[in-house]
Amino acid sequence: MAKANKMTDAGGVSAFLDALDHPHKHTILALRDAVLGIAPSIGEEIKWNAPSFHVAEHFATMNLRAKHGVLLILHLGARKAALPVGAIADPQRLLSWLGPDRASIAFRDADDVAAKRDVLAAIVRQWIAYLPGG
């Protein structure tokens, strides 16, 4: 996998992904496209050596080390806060809760990203509403 310092613009993310040698690169690219397509206010940068997404704060980071596919880790940025129980509607149970302030969604491949795209968008819109300025 390519090593990266913090890159704070889409061009930096594109350069990182162009250089990335990863068995799930098609999944990563599909997931990036899906997240950026949710709202025009969503930006991206490389943080923690992976694509990370932000509005007023960072709220999602890809985990590229998963053995099968790619994980999208949803979090509340640097602040320590818990989401109220049941705050995020998840009728298809895509979220795996990792703590009171973070959860993950697993994607097997690019087809799985496409199949979950609408539900992902609904979850991310709800998640962003809990960020400062969201």
Protein backbone atom coordinates (compact mmCIF):
# COMPACT_ATOMS: atom_id res chain seq x y z
CA MET A 1 0.00 0.00 0.00
CA ALA A 2 1.25 3.51 -0.76
CA LYS A 3 2.38 5.59 2.20
CA ALA A 4 1.06 9.12 2.44
CA ASN A 5 1.34 12.21 4.52
CA LYS A 6 -1.78 14.23 5.15
CA MET A 7 -3.12 15.39 1.78
CA THR A 8 -5.88 17.94 2.09
CA ASP A 9 -7.42 18.18 -1.33
CA ALA A 10 -9.12 16.01 -3.91
CA GLY A 11 -6.00 16.18 -6.11
CA GLY A 12 -3.94 14.74 -3.26
CA VAL A 13 -6.49 11.99 -2.74
CA SER A 14 -6.51 11.22 -6.45
CA ALA A 15 -2.70 11.04 -6.47
CA PHE A 16 -2.76 8.74 -3.44
CA LEU A 17 -5.32 6.46 -5.07
CA ASP A 18 -3.50 6.46 -8.41
CA ALA A 19 -0.38 5.17 -6.62
CA LEU A 20 -2.30 2.74 -4.42
CA ASP A 21 -1.59 -0.95 -4.97
CA HIS A 22 -4.47 -2.66 -3.19
CA PRO A 23 -6.48 -5.81 -3.95
CA HIS A 24 -9.74 -3.91 -3.37
CA LYS A 25 -8.88 -0.76 -5.32
CA HIS A 26 -12.11 -0.94 -7.39
CA THR A 27 -14.11 -1.10 -4.15
CA ILE A 28 -12.19 1.85 -2.71
CA LEU A 29 -12.83 3.94 -5.82
CA ALA A 30 -16.54 3.02 -5.88
CA LEU A 31 -16.91 3.86 -2.18
CA ARG A 32 -15.13 7.19 -2.63
CA ASP A 33 -17.49 8.07 -5.48
CA ALA A 34 -20.53 7.03 -3.43
CA VAL A 35 -19.57 9.10 -0.36
CA LEU A 36 -18.63 12.21 -2.36
CA GLY A 37 -21.92 11.95 -4.26
CA ILE A 38 -24.02 12.18 -1.09
CA ALA A 39 -23.70 15.95 -0.64
CA PRO A 40 -21.71 18.74 -2.30
CA SER A 41 -20.45 19.86 1.13
CA ILE A 42 -18.46 16.64 1.62
CA GLY A 43 -14.72 17.06 1.15
CA GLU A 44 -11.92 14.55 1.32
CA GLU A 45 -8.30 14.20 2.30
CA ILE A 46 -5.85 11.46 3.16
CA LYS A 47 -5.73 11.02 6.91
CA TRP A 48 -4.49 7.94 8.77
CA ASN A 49 -3.10 6.72 5.42
CA ALA A 50 -6.57 6.33 3.92
CA PRO A 51 -9.30 8.43 2.29
CA SER A 52 -11.14 10.41 4.95
CA PHE A 53 -14.27 12.51 4.47
CA HIS A 54 -15.36 15.72 6.18
CA VAL A 55 -17.89 18.49 6.28
CA ALA A 56 -17.25 20.81 9.24
CA GLU A 57 -15.43 17.86 10.91
CA HIS A 58 -14.16 14.51 9.74
CA PHE A 59 -16.93 11.94 9.93
CA ALA A 60 -15.80 8.92 7.90
CA THR A 61 -12.53 7.18 7.12
CA MET A 62 -11.91 4.11 5.01
CA ASN A 63 -10.19 1.18 6.68
CA LEU A 64 -8.06 -0.33 3.94
CA ARG A 65 -6.68 -3.13 6.11
CA ALA A 66 -9.80 -5.27 6.23
CA LYS A 67 -9.13 -8.83 5.06
CA HIS A 68 -12.28 -9.04 2.96
CA GLY A 69 -13.28 -5.83 1.23
CA VAL A 70 -13.21 -2.33 2.67
CA LEU A 71 -14.70 -0.83 5.82
CA LEU A 72 -16.06 2.69 6.10
CA ILE A 73 -15.62 3.86 9.69
CA LEU A 74 -18.14 6.52 10.70
CA HIS A 75 -17.05 8.69 13.62
CA LEU A 76 -17.74 12.06 15.17
CA GLY A 77 -14.35 13.64 14.52
CA ALA A 78 -12.00 14.78 17.27
CA ARG A 79 -14.66 15.60 19.84
CA LYS A 80 -15.69 12.97 22.35
CA ALA A 81 -19.44 12.57 22.15
CA ALA A 82 -21.87 9.71 22.02
CA LEU A 83 -24.79 9.40 19.67
CA PRO A 84 -28.14 8.88 21.36
CA VAL A 85 -29.30 5.25 21.21
CA GLY A 86 -31.33 4.80 18.04
CA ALA A 87 -30.17 8.14 16.60
CA ILE A 88 -29.28 6.62 13.24
CA ALA A 89 -32.04 4.74 11.44
CA ASP A 90 -30.51 1.57 9.99
CA PRO A 91 -33.35 -0.70 8.84
CA GLN A 92 -30.99 -2.92 6.83
CA ARG A 93 -28.58 -3.22 9.77
CA LEU A 94 -25.50 -2.18 7.85
CA LEU A 95 -23.91 -0.51 10.87
CA SER A 96 -21.61 -2.48 13.15
CA TRP A 97 -21.27 -0.35 16.27
CA LEU A 98 -17.69 -0.03 17.51
CA GLY A 99 -18.52 2.32 20.38
CA PRO A 100 -21.03 5.03 21.30
CA ASP A 101 -19.45 7.44 18.81
CA ARG A 102 -18.41 5.22 15.90
CA ALA A 103 -19.62 2.44 13.65
CA SER A 104 -18.49 0.66 10.51
CA ILE A 105 -20.10 -0.46 7.29
CA ALA A 106 -18.47 -3.32 5.36
CA PHE A 107 -18.28 -3.50 1.58
CA ARG A 108 -17.21 -6.75 -0.10
CA ASP A 109 -16.63 -5.31 -3.55
CA ALA A 110 -17.70 -2.54 -5.94
CA ASP A 111 -21.02 -4.30 -6.65
CA ASP A 112 -21.74 -4.32 -2.91
CA VAL A 113 -21.05 -0.56 -2.80
CA ALA A 114 -23.53 -0.07 -5.66
CA ALA A 115 -26.17 -2.22 -3.93
CA LYS A 116 -25.82 -0.29 -0.64
CA ARG A 117 -25.40 3.17 -2.16
CA ASP A 118 -28.86 4.57 -1.34
CA VAL A 119 -28.87 3.20 2.21
CA LEU A 120 -25.31 4.46 2.73
CA ALA A 121 -26.43 7.93 1.64
CA ALA A 122 -29.32 7.91 4.11
CA ILE A 123 -27.05 6.81 6.96
CA VAL A 124 -24.35 9.38 6.14
CA ARG A 125 -26.89 12.22 5.94
CA GLN A 126 -28.16 11.30 9.40
CA TRP A 127 -24.60 10.97 10.73
CA ILE A 128 -23.55 14.38 9.41
CA ALA A 129 -26.48 15.98 11.24
CA TYR A 130 -24.76 15.10 14.55
CA LEU A 131 -21.52 16.89 13.64
CA PRO A 132 -20.90 20.50 14.67
CA GLY A 133 -22.20 22.62 11.82
CA GLY A 134 -23.91 19.57 10.29
